[in-house]
Amino acid sequence: MNALNVPVEMISTCSAEGEVCPVRFRVRGRDGELHTVRIRRVRDTVEIPYFGVETFRFVCTAEIAGRERLFELRYNVRCHRWVLWQFLDAAGGRGA
């Protein structure tokens, strides 16, 4: 699947041990409006080397546009930036 790499506004938690966990985010949809997405479940978290930059990949599920979706978020530690990297289910697409 093609990467979307769409910047998002994120609310996340951080445990006492320093583990980051996304909770909800806002993304600009095709209609130009900001949409809030509440993450139902984080299925997997992996640290990935991305061009030498510490990055974490989160595979999550959430209800988007009335449908359960599977997607990947990435968090860049150096610049504290979150992106909606790609949808992992068949529907795909950029809109929220």
Protein backbone atom coordinates (compact mmCIF):
# COMPACT_ATOMS: atom_id res chain seq x y z
CA MET A 1 0.00 0.00 0.00
CA ASN A 2 1.14 3.53 -0.65
CA ALA A 3 2.15 5.67 2.30
CA LEU A 4 -0.14 8.60 3.05
CA ASN A 5 2.28 10.31 5.43
CA VAL A 6 -0.40 12.80 6.62
CA PRO A 7 0.56 14.91 9.68
CA VAL A 8 -1.90 14.61 12.58
CA GLU A 9 -2.52 16.39 15.88
CA MET A 10 -2.10 13.69 18.55
CA ILE A 11 -3.08 13.17 22.16
CA SER A 12 -1.04 10.37 23.68
CA THR A 13 -0.12 9.00 27.08
CA CYS A 14 3.30 8.22 28.47
CA SER A 15 3.79 5.56 31.14
CA ALA A 16 6.12 5.95 34.12
CA GLU A 17 8.57 3.76 32.16
CA GLY A 18 8.46 6.16 29.18
CA GLU A 19 6.27 4.07 26.85
CA VAL A 20 4.20 6.25 24.51
CA CYS A 21 0.66 5.21 23.55
CA PRO A 22 -1.62 7.13 21.13
CA VAL A 23 -5.13 7.90 22.43
CA ARG A 24 -6.81 10.08 19.79
CA PHE A 25 -5.85 12.34 16.92
CA ARG A 26 -7.21 14.98 14.59
CA VAL A 27 -6.68 14.84 10.86
CA ARG A 28 -7.82 17.09 8.04
CA GLY A 29 -10.18 15.17 5.76
CA ARG A 30 -10.88 15.56 2.07
CA ASP A 31 -13.60 18.04 2.99
CA GLY A 32 -10.99 20.34 4.58
CA GLU A 33 -12.45 19.86 8.07
CA LEU A 34 -10.59 18.51 11.09
CA HIS A 35 -11.91 15.10 12.19
CA THR A 36 -11.23 13.55 15.60
CA VAL A 37 -10.41 9.84 15.64
CA ARG A 38 -10.48 7.94 18.95
CA ILE A 39 -8.18 4.95 18.92
CA ARG A 40 -9.95 1.81 20.09
CA ARG A 41 -6.96 -0.49 20.26
CA VAL A 42 -3.23 -0.44 19.68
CA ARG A 43 -2.50 -3.85 18.16
CA ASP A 44 1.25 -3.56 17.78
CA THR A 45 4.08 -1.18 18.60
CA VAL A 46 7.52 -1.50 17.04
CA GLU A 47 10.58 0.75 17.05
CA ILE A 48 11.85 1.06 13.50
CA PRO A 49 15.06 2.64 12.20
CA TYR A 50 13.86 5.12 9.60
CA PHE A 51 16.85 6.71 7.86
CA GLY A 52 18.73 6.71 11.18
CA VAL A 53 15.93 8.50 13.04
CA GLU A 54 14.27 6.84 16.04
CA THR A 55 10.67 6.20 14.94
CA PHE A 56 7.87 4.15 16.46
CA ARG A 57 5.20 2.39 14.42
CA PHE A 58 1.76 1.86 15.96
CA VAL A 59 -0.78 -0.42 14.27
CA CYS A 60 -4.20 0.66 15.56
CA THR A 61 -7.92 0.26 15.06
CA ALA A 62 -10.59 2.95 15.26
CA GLU A 63 -14.02 3.74 13.92
CA ILE A 64 -13.62 6.09 10.98
CA ALA A 65 -16.61 7.25 8.93
CA GLY A 66 -18.80 4.68 10.67
CA ARG A 67 -16.49 1.76 9.89
CA GLU A 68 -13.81 -0.13 11.84
CA ARG A 69 -10.45 0.67 10.23
CA LEU A 70 -6.93 -0.71 10.64
CA PHE A 71 -4.15 1.83 10.14
CA GLU A 72 -0.54 2.66 10.93
CA LEU A 73 0.62 5.73 12.82
CA ARG A 74 4.26 6.73 13.12
CA TYR A 75 5.91 8.85 15.78
CA ASN A 76 9.25 10.54 15.08
CA VAL A 77 11.05 10.94 18.40
CA ARG A 78 13.54 13.58 17.26
CA CYS A 79 10.97 16.12 16.04
CA HIS A 80 8.00 14.89 18.16
CA ARG A 81 5.86 14.51 15.04
CA TRP A 82 2.99 12.09 14.44
CA VAL A 83 1.76 11.02 10.99
CA LEU A 84 -1.01 8.79 9.71
CA TRP A 85 1.28 6.61 7.64
CA GLN A 86 -1.17 4.30 5.88
CA PHE A 87 -4.43 2.38 6.07
CA LEU A 88 -3.87 -1.36 6.28
CA ASP A 89 -7.37 -2.54 5.38
CA ALA A 90 -8.94 -2.83 1.94
CA ALA A 91 -10.86 0.48 1.93
CA GLY A 92 -7.76 2.70 2.03
CA GLY A 93 -8.04 6.37 1.21
CA ARG A 94 -7.03 9.63 2.84
CA GLY A 95 -10.34 10.96 4.15
CA ALA A 96 -11.41 10.55 7.73
